[in-house]
């Protein structure tokens, strides 16, 4: 009996310790990550560096956004990744900086910066910007009436230590939207409304007759 009690105590202690560790870890990352519109999130480990990733159709003249939709087969999407040194003026510059981009399997690189970039002498207040071009695999369009969104993520490292990440979302496909004709919808609503009026008048008349009787 004593042996079983000891085993139970050890098991309970282990479960409590695991729960506390998980809670602390979850709270740490929850405070450092912010969800983005359209999927993905921005995460920063500390306040030394910031990373921002956006996307647009290349040569479209549009502004960079967190998410784009309606990308067609053969179009090139352009990702912009900005990494800024937020340290104060008294801090030394940073060496061994690294940016790593993780294209989803639906996309492939066609130009611009590499998927991994390295640099040194990253001064306070300085911003390093990378542009990466990609296309959607042709096989993704071998279907009709669909829409799909994929999230592209970029990380920043200093001395091989993860410092932050950001994402951009690309949606593509050709969704057919079927709408009711305006006249048909209007006439249907009018008919339903007229029917409700007739029913209402009938109930009112019946009630009046009951009161008179």
C-alpha atoms as a PDB file:
ATOM      1  CA  UNK A   1       0.000   0.000   0.000  1.00  0.00           C
ATOM      2  CA  UNK A   2       2.771   2.477   0.945  1.00  0.00           C
ATOM      3  CA  UNK A   3       4.539   1.770  -2.310  1.00  0.00           C
ATOM      4  CA  UNK A   4       1.388   2.544  -4.327  1.00  0.00           C
ATOM      5  CA  UNK A   5       0.888   5.787  -2.390  1.00  0.00           C
ATOM      6  CA  UNK A   6       4.441   6.878  -3.148  1.00  0.00           C
ATOM      7  CA  UNK A   7       3.984   6.114  -6.844  1.00  0.00           C
ATOM      8  CA  UNK A   8       0.767   8.156  -6.908  1.00  0.00           C
ATOM      9  CA  UNK A   9       2.454  11.094  -5.147  1.00  0.00           C
ATOM     10  CA  UNK A  10       5.342  11.056  -7.602  1.00  0.00           C
ATOM     11  CA  UNK A  11       2.943  10.941 -10.567  1.00  0.00           C
ATOM     12  CA  UNK A  12       0.893  13.871  -9.220  1.00  0.00           C
ATOM     13  CA  UNK A  13       4.041  15.904  -8.542  1.00  0.00           C
ATOM     14  CA  UNK A  14       5.308  15.260 -12.067  1.00  0.00           C
ATOM     15  CA  UNK A  15       1.973  16.289 -13.597  1.00  0.00           C
ATOM     16  CA  UNK A  16       1.902  19.515 -11.585  1.00  0.00           C
ATOM     17  CA  UNK A  17       5.466  20.370 -12.616  1.00  0.00           C
ATOM     18  CA  UNK A  18       4.680  19.735 -16.287  1.00  0.00           C
ATOM     19  CA  UNK A  19       1.552  21.876 -16.048  1.00  0.00           C
ATOM     20  CA  UNK A  20       3.456  24.785 -14.522  1.00  0.00           C
ATOM     21  CA  UNK A  21       6.191  24.555 -17.139  1.00  0.00           C
ATOM     22  CA  UNK A  22       3.651  24.530 -19.961  1.00  0.00           C
ATOM     23  CA  UNK A  23       1.767  27.491 -18.487  1.00  0.00           C
ATOM     24  CA  UNK A  24       4.935  29.572 -18.091  1.00  0.00           C
ATOM     25  CA  UNK A  25       6.023  28.797 -21.643  1.00  0.00           C
ATOM     26  CA  UNK A  26       2.582  29.572 -23.058  1.00  0.00           C
ATOM     27  CA  UNK A  27       2.424  32.878 -21.197  1.00  0.00           C
ATOM     28  CA  UNK A  28       5.911  33.829 -22.396  1.00  0.00           C
ATOM     29  CA  UNK A  29       5.081  33.276 -26.062  1.00  0.00           C
ATOM     30  CA  UNK A  30       1.565  34.702 -25.791  1.00  0.00           C
ATOM     31  CA  UNK A  31       3.043  38.007 -24.681  1.00  0.00           C
ATOM     32  CA  UNK A  32       5.465  38.050 -27.600  1.00  0.00           C
ATOM     33  CA  UNK A  33       3.236  37.026 -30.518  1.00  0.00           C
ATOM     34  CA  UNK A  34       0.468  38.979 -32.227  1.00  0.00           C
ATOM     35  CA  UNK A  35      -2.039  37.431 -34.626  1.00  0.00           C
ATOM     36  CA  UNK A  36      -2.368  38.913 -38.088  1.00  0.00           C
ATOM     37  CA  UNK A  37      -5.382  39.537 -40.263  1.00  0.00           C
ATOM     38  CA  UNK A  38      -5.745  36.647 -42.709  1.00  0.00           C
ATOM     39  CA  UNK A  39      -3.637  34.199 -40.718  1.00  0.00           C
ATOM     40  CA  UNK A  40      -0.137  33.948 -39.290  1.00  0.00           C
ATOM     41  CA  UNK A  41       1.423  35.989 -36.521  1.00  0.00           C
ATOM     42  CA  UNK A  42       4.273  38.340 -35.671  1.00  0.00           C
ATOM     43  CA  UNK A  43       6.625  37.189 -32.906  1.00  0.00           C
ATOM     44  CA  UNK A  44       9.471  39.030 -31.175  1.00  0.00           C
ATOM     45  CA  UNK A  45      11.734  37.448 -28.584  1.00  0.00           C
ATOM     46  CA  UNK A  46      13.136  40.772 -27.396  1.00  0.00           C
ATOM     47  CA  UNK A  47      13.154  44.463 -28.296  1.00  0.00           C
ATOM     48  CA  UNK A  48      16.505  44.518 -30.109  1.00  0.00           C
ATOM     49  CA  UNK A  49      15.085  43.793 -33.561  1.00  0.00           C
ATOM     50  CA  UNK A  50      11.791  44.072 -35.411  1.00  0.00           C
ATOM     51  CA  UNK A  51      10.778  42.117 -38.512  1.00  0.00           C
ATOM     52  CA  UNK A  52       7.939  42.951 -40.895  1.00  0.00           C
ATOM     53  CA  UNK A  53       6.869  40.915 -43.901  1.00  0.00           C
ATOM     54  CA  UNK A  54       4.383  42.015 -46.577  1.00  0.00           C
ATOM     55  CA  UNK A  55       3.416  40.966 -50.107  1.00  0.00           C
ATOM     56  CA  UNK A  56       1.968  42.265 -53.393  1.00  0.00           C
ATOM     57  CA  UNK A  57       1.670  41.294 -57.054  1.00  0.00           C
ATOM     58  CA  UNK A  58       5.010  42.216 -58.626  1.00  0.00           C
ATOM     59  CA  UNK A  59       5.018  45.299 -60.893  1.00  0.00           C
ATOM     60  CA  UNK A  60       1.375  45.982 -60.021  1.00  0.00           C
ATOM     61  CA  UNK A  61       2.086  49.336 -58.415  1.00  0.00           C
ATOM     62  CA  UNK A  62      -0.011  48.269 -55.418  1.00  0.00           C
ATOM     63  CA  UNK A  63       1.185  48.846 -51.875  1.00  0.00           C
ATOM     64  CA  UNK A  64       2.559  45.938 -49.864  1.00  0.00           C
ATOM     65  CA  UNK A  65      -0.024  44.265 -47.616  1.00  0.00           C
ATOM     66  CA  UNK A  66      -0.191  41.515 -44.990  1.00  0.00           C
ATOM     67  CA  UNK A  67      -2.492  39.534 -47.312  1.00  0.00           C
ATOM     68  CA  UNK A  68      -3.340  39.492 -51.031  1.00  0.00           C
ATOM     69  CA  UNK A  69      -6.129  37.584 -52.789  1.00  0.00           C
ATOM     70  CA  UNK A  70      -7.061  36.510 -56.300  1.00  0.00           C
ATOM     71  CA  UNK A  71      -3.550  35.640 -57.489  1.00  0.00           C
ATOM     72  CA  UNK A  72      -3.721  33.955 -60.884  1.00  0.00           C
ATOM     73  CA  UNK A  73      -1.567  31.291 -62.530  1.00  0.00           C
ATOM     74  CA  UNK A  74       1.707  32.676 -63.849  1.00  0.00           C
ATOM     75  CA  UNK A  75       1.624  35.857 -61.754  1.00  0.00           C
ATOM     76  CA  UNK A  76       4.704  36.687 -59.671  1.00  0.00           C
ATOM     77  CA  UNK A  77       4.199  37.660 -56.032  1.00  0.00           C
ATOM     78  CA  UNK A  78       6.789  39.912 -54.404  1.00  0.00           C
ATOM     79  CA  UNK A  79       7.552  39.622 -50.688  1.00  0.00           C
ATOM     80  CA  UNK A  80       9.131  42.497 -48.783  1.00  0.00           C
ATOM     81  CA  UNK A  81      10.967  41.663 -45.549  1.00  0.00           C
ATOM     82  CA  UNK A  82      12.167  44.560 -43.382  1.00  0.00           C
ATOM     83  CA  UNK A  83      14.396  43.960 -40.358  1.00  0.00           C
ATOM     84  CA  UNK A  84      15.239  46.905 -38.119  1.00  0.00           C
ATOM     85  CA  UNK A  85      17.797  47.261 -35.334  1.00  0.00           C
ATOM     86  CA  UNK A  86      15.878  48.777 -32.410  1.00  0.00           C
ATOM     87  CA  UNK A  87      18.776  48.928 -29.940  1.00  0.00           C
ATOM     88  CA  UNK A  88      19.767  52.295 -28.477  1.00  0.00           C
ATOM     89  CA  UNK A  89      22.501  54.492 -29.921  1.00  0.00           C
ATOM     90  CA  UNK A  90      25.057  53.367 -27.321  1.00  0.00           C
ATOM     91  CA  UNK A  91      24.817  49.704 -28.326  1.00  0.00           C
ATOM     92  CA  UNK A  92      27.525  48.159 -30.471  1.00  0.00           C
ATOM     93  CA  UNK A  93      26.634  47.039 -33.972  1.00  0.00           C
ATOM     94  CA  UNK A  94      25.616  43.413 -34.440  1.00  0.00           C
ATOM     95  CA  UNK A  95      27.354  40.748 -36.511  1.00  0.00           C
ATOM     96  CA  UNK A  96      26.220  37.262 -37.517  1.00  0.00           C
ATOM     97  CA  UNK A  97      22.722  38.398 -38.513  1.00  0.00           C
ATOM     98  CA  UNK A  98      20.568  36.006 -40.548  1.00  0.00           C
ATOM     99  CA  UNK A  99      17.208  36.138 -42.317  1.00  0.00           C
ATOM    100  CA  UNK A 100      15.591  32.863 -43.302  1.00  0.00           C
ATOM    101  CA  UNK A 101      12.448  32.614 -45.415  1.00  0.00           C
ATOM    102  CA  UNK A 102      10.196  29.555 -45.455  1.00  0.00           C
ATOM    103  CA  UNK A 103       8.220  29.337 -48.686  1.00  0.00           C
ATOM    104  CA  UNK A 104       5.249  26.956 -48.461  1.00  0.00           C
ATOM    105  CA  UNK A 105       5.358  23.973 -50.806  1.00  0.00           C
ATOM    106  CA  UNK A 106       2.771  25.614 -53.073  1.00  0.00           C
ATOM    107  CA  UNK A 107       5.228  28.415 -53.965  1.00  0.00           C
ATOM    108  CA  UNK A 108       8.674  28.425 -55.563  1.00  0.00           C
ATOM    109  CA  UNK A 109      11.311  31.178 -55.729  1.00  0.00           C
ATOM    110  CA  UNK A 110      11.869  32.879 -59.108  1.00  0.00           C
ATOM    111  CA  UNK A 111      14.117  35.813 -58.189  1.00  0.00           C
ATOM    112  CA  UNK A 112      15.125  38.510 -55.751  1.00  0.00           C
ATOM    113  CA  UNK A 113      16.856  37.792 -52.460  1.00  0.00           C
ATOM    114  CA  UNK A 114      17.824  34.301 -51.407  1.00  0.00           C
ATOM    115  CA  UNK A 115      15.775  32.225 -49.006  1.00  0.00           C
ATOM    116  CA  UNK A 116      18.632  32.710 -46.522  1.00  0.00           C
ATOM    117  CA  UNK A 117      20.611  35.948 -46.198  1.00  0.00           C
ATOM    118  CA  UNK A 118      23.520  36.872 -43.866  1.00  0.00           C
ATOM    119  CA  UNK A 119      25.006  40.251 -42.917  1.00  0.00           C
ATOM    120  CA  UNK A 120      27.251  41.994 -40.366  1.00  0.00           C
ATOM    121  CA  UNK A 121      27.741  45.507 -38.932  1.00  0.00           C
ATOM    122  CA  UNK A 122      24.023  45.968 -38.216  1.00  0.00           C
ATOM    123  CA  UNK A 123      23.974  49.427 -36.581  1.00  0.00           C
ATOM    124  CA  UNK A 124      21.396  50.917 -34.227  1.00  0.00           C
ATOM    125  CA  UNK A 125      18.434  52.351 -36.162  1.00  0.00           C
ATOM    126  CA  UNK A 126      19.506  50.642 -39.383  1.00  0.00           C
ATOM    127  CA  UNK A 127      16.967  48.738 -41.528  1.00  0.00           C
ATOM    128  CA  UNK A 128      17.831  45.890 -43.866  1.00  0.00           C
ATOM    129  CA  UNK A 129      15.243  45.164 -46.563  1.00  0.00           C
ATOM    130  CA  UNK A 130      14.960  42.020 -48.700  1.00  0.00           C
ATOM    131  CA  UNK A 131      12.703  41.418 -51.729  1.00  0.00           C
ATOM    132  CA  UNK A 132      11.831  37.861 -52.683  1.00  0.00           C
ATOM    133  CA  UNK A 133       9.907  36.864 -55.843  1.00  0.00           C
ATOM    134  CA  UNK A 134       7.854  33.683 -56.047  1.00  0.00           C
ATOM    135  CA  UNK A 135       5.209  31.969 -58.147  1.00  0.00           C
ATOM    136  CA  UNK A 136       2.473  29.471 -57.384  1.00  0.00           C
ATOM    137  CA  UNK A 137       2.962  25.950 -58.707  1.00  0.00           C
ATOM    138  CA  UNK A 138       0.952  25.371 -61.904  1.00  0.00           C
ATOM    139  CA  UNK A 139      -0.455  22.142 -60.463  1.00  0.00           C
ATOM    140  CA  UNK A 140      -2.307  24.212 -57.849  1.00  0.00           C
ATOM    141  CA  UNK A 141      -4.597  25.505 -60.601  1.00  0.00           C
ATOM    142  CA  UNK A 142      -5.587  22.074 -61.971  1.00  0.00           C
ATOM    143  CA  UNK A 143      -9.148  22.468 -60.645  1.00  0.00           C
ATOM    144  CA  UNK A 144     -12.125  24.789 -60.941  1.00  0.00           C
ATOM    145  CA  UNK A 145     -14.066  27.077 -58.638  1.00  0.00           C
ATOM    146  CA  UNK A 146     -11.689  27.120 -55.643  1.00  0.00           C
ATOM    147  CA  UNK A 147      -9.778  29.464 -53.380  1.00  0.00           C
ATOM    148  CA  UNK A 148      -6.770  28.577 -51.247  1.00  0.00           C
ATOM    149  CA  UNK A 149      -4.579  30.633 -48.908  1.00  0.00           C
ATOM    150  CA  UNK A 150      -0.992  29.871 -47.869  1.00  0.00           C
ATOM    151  CA  UNK A 151       1.160  31.598 -45.247  1.00  0.00           C
ATOM    152  CA  UNK A 152       4.787  32.521 -45.906  1.00  0.00           C
ATOM    153  CA  UNK A 153       7.027  33.019 -42.864  1.00  0.00           C
ATOM    154  CA  UNK A 154      10.376  34.756 -42.362  1.00  0.00           C
ATOM    155  CA  UNK A 155      12.636  34.502 -39.290  1.00  0.00           C
ATOM    156  CA  UNK A 156      15.467  36.704 -38.052  1.00  0.00           C
ATOM    157  CA  UNK A 157      18.439  35.319 -36.072  1.00  0.00           C
ATOM    158  CA  UNK A 158      21.387  36.851 -34.286  1.00  0.00           C
ATOM    159  CA  UNK A 159      24.343  34.585 -33.429  1.00  0.00           C
ATOM    160  CA  UNK A 160      22.164  31.581 -34.379  1.00  0.00           C
ATOM    161  CA  UNK A 161      19.558  32.620 -31.779  1.00  0.00           C
ATOM    162  CA  UNK A 162      15.964  33.142 -32.914  1.00  0.00           C
ATOM    163  CA  UNK A 163      14.961  36.809 -32.518  1.00  0.00           C
ATOM    164  CA  UNK A 164      11.592  37.125 -34.231  1.00  0.00           C
ATOM    165  CA  UNK A 165       9.337  36.231 -37.159  1.00  0.00           C
ATOM    166  CA  UNK A 166       6.571  37.623 -39.334  1.00  0.00           C
ATOM    167  CA  UNK A 167       4.240  36.224 -41.999  1.00  0.00           C
ATOM    168  CA  UNK A 168       2.400  37.244 -45.166  1.00  0.00           C
ATOM    169  CA  UNK A 169      -0.597  35.448 -46.704  1.00  0.00           C
ATOM    170  CA  UNK A 170      -1.225  34.695 -50.392  1.00  0.00           C
ATOM    171  CA  UNK A 171      -4.661  33.576 -51.619  1.00  0.00           C
ATOM    172  CA  UNK A 172      -5.267  32.264 -55.125  1.00  0.00           C
ATOM    173  CA  UNK A 173      -7.939  30.545 -57.176  1.00  0.00           C
ATOM    174  CA  UNK A 174     -10.996  31.297 -59.285  1.00  0.00           C
ATOM    175  CA  UNK A 175     -14.207  31.222 -57.282  1.00  0.00           C
ATOM    176  CA  UNK A 176     -17.447  31.535 -59.222  1.00  0.00           C
ATOM    177  CA  UNK A 177     -20.017  33.550 -57.309  1.00  0.00           C
ATOM    178  CA  UNK A 178     -23.604  32.704 -58.204  1.00  0.00           C
ATOM    179  CA  UNK A 179     -26.135  35.452 -57.471  1.00  0.00           C
ATOM    180  CA  UNK A 180     -29.906  35.521 -57.765  1.00  0.00           C
ATOM    181  CA  UNK A 181     -31.233  37.890 -60.432  1.00  0.00           C
ATOM    182  CA  UNK A 182     -32.243  41.181 -58.886  1.00  0.00           C
ATOM    183  CA  UNK A 183     -35.771  41.042 -60.305  1.00  0.00           C
ATOM    184  CA  UNK A 184     -36.251  37.463 -59.143  1.00  0.00           C
ATOM    185  CA  UNK A 185     -35.013  38.188 -55.653  1.00  0.00           C
ATOM    186  CA  UNK A 186     -37.062  41.355 -55.413  1.00  0.00           C
ATOM    187  CA  UNK A 187     -40.254  39.716 -56.650  1.00  0.00           C
ATOM    188  CA  UNK A 188     -39.765  36.764 -54.297  1.00  0.00           C
ATOM    189  CA  UNK A 189     -39.326  39.039 -51.299  1.00  0.00           C
ATOM    190  CA  UNK A 190     -42.301  41.114 -52.354  1.00  0.00           C
ATOM    191  CA  UNK A 191     -44.440  37.991 -52.679  1.00  0.00           C
ATOM    192  CA  UNK A 192     -43.397  36.744 -49.231  1.00  0.00           C
ATOM    193  CA  UNK A 193     -44.052  40.155 -47.717  1.00  0.00           C
ATOM    194  CA  UNK A 194     -47.495  40.378 -49.348  1.00  0.00           C
ATOM    195  CA  UNK A 195     -48.330  36.906 -48.072  1.00  0.00           C
ATOM    196  CA  UNK A 196     -47.399  37.884 -44.513  1.00  0.00           C
ATOM    197  CA  UNK A 197     -49.622  40.956 -44.757  1.00  0.00           C
ATOM    198  CA  UNK A 198     -52.598  38.850 -45.905  1.00  0.00           C
ATOM    199  CA  UNK A 199     -52.068  36.392 -43.049  1.00  0.00           C
ATOM    200  CA  UNK A 200     -51.841  39.255 -40.574  1.00  0.00           C
ATOM    201  CA  UNK A 201     -55.065  40.828 -41.846  1.00  0.00           C
ATOM    202  CA  UNK A 202     -56.821  37.481 -41.637  1.00  0.00           C
ATOM    203  CA  UNK A 203     -55.786  36.967 -38.013  1.00  0.00           C
ATOM    204  CA  UNK A 204     -56.854  40.488 -37.103  1.00  0.00           C
ATOM    205  CA  UNK A 205     -60.299  40.014 -38.704  1.00  0.00           C
ATOM    206  CA  UNK A 206     -60.791  36.671 -36.961  1.00  0.00           C
ATOM    207  CA  UNK A 207     -59.900  38.215 -33.599  1.00  0.00           C
ATOM    208  CA  UNK A 208     -62.319  41.103 -34.190  1.00  0.00           C
ATOM    209  CA  UNK A 209     -65.154  38.672 -35.026  1.00  0.00           C
ATOM    210  CA  UNK A 210     -64.495  36.707 -31.828  1.00  0.00           C
ATOM    211  CA  UNK A 211     -64.681  39.863 -29.752  1.00  0.00           C
ATOM    212  CA  UNK A 212     -67.993  40.925 -31.381  1.00  0.00           C
ATOM    213  CA  UNK A 213     -69.488  37.502 -30.730  1.00  0.00           C
END
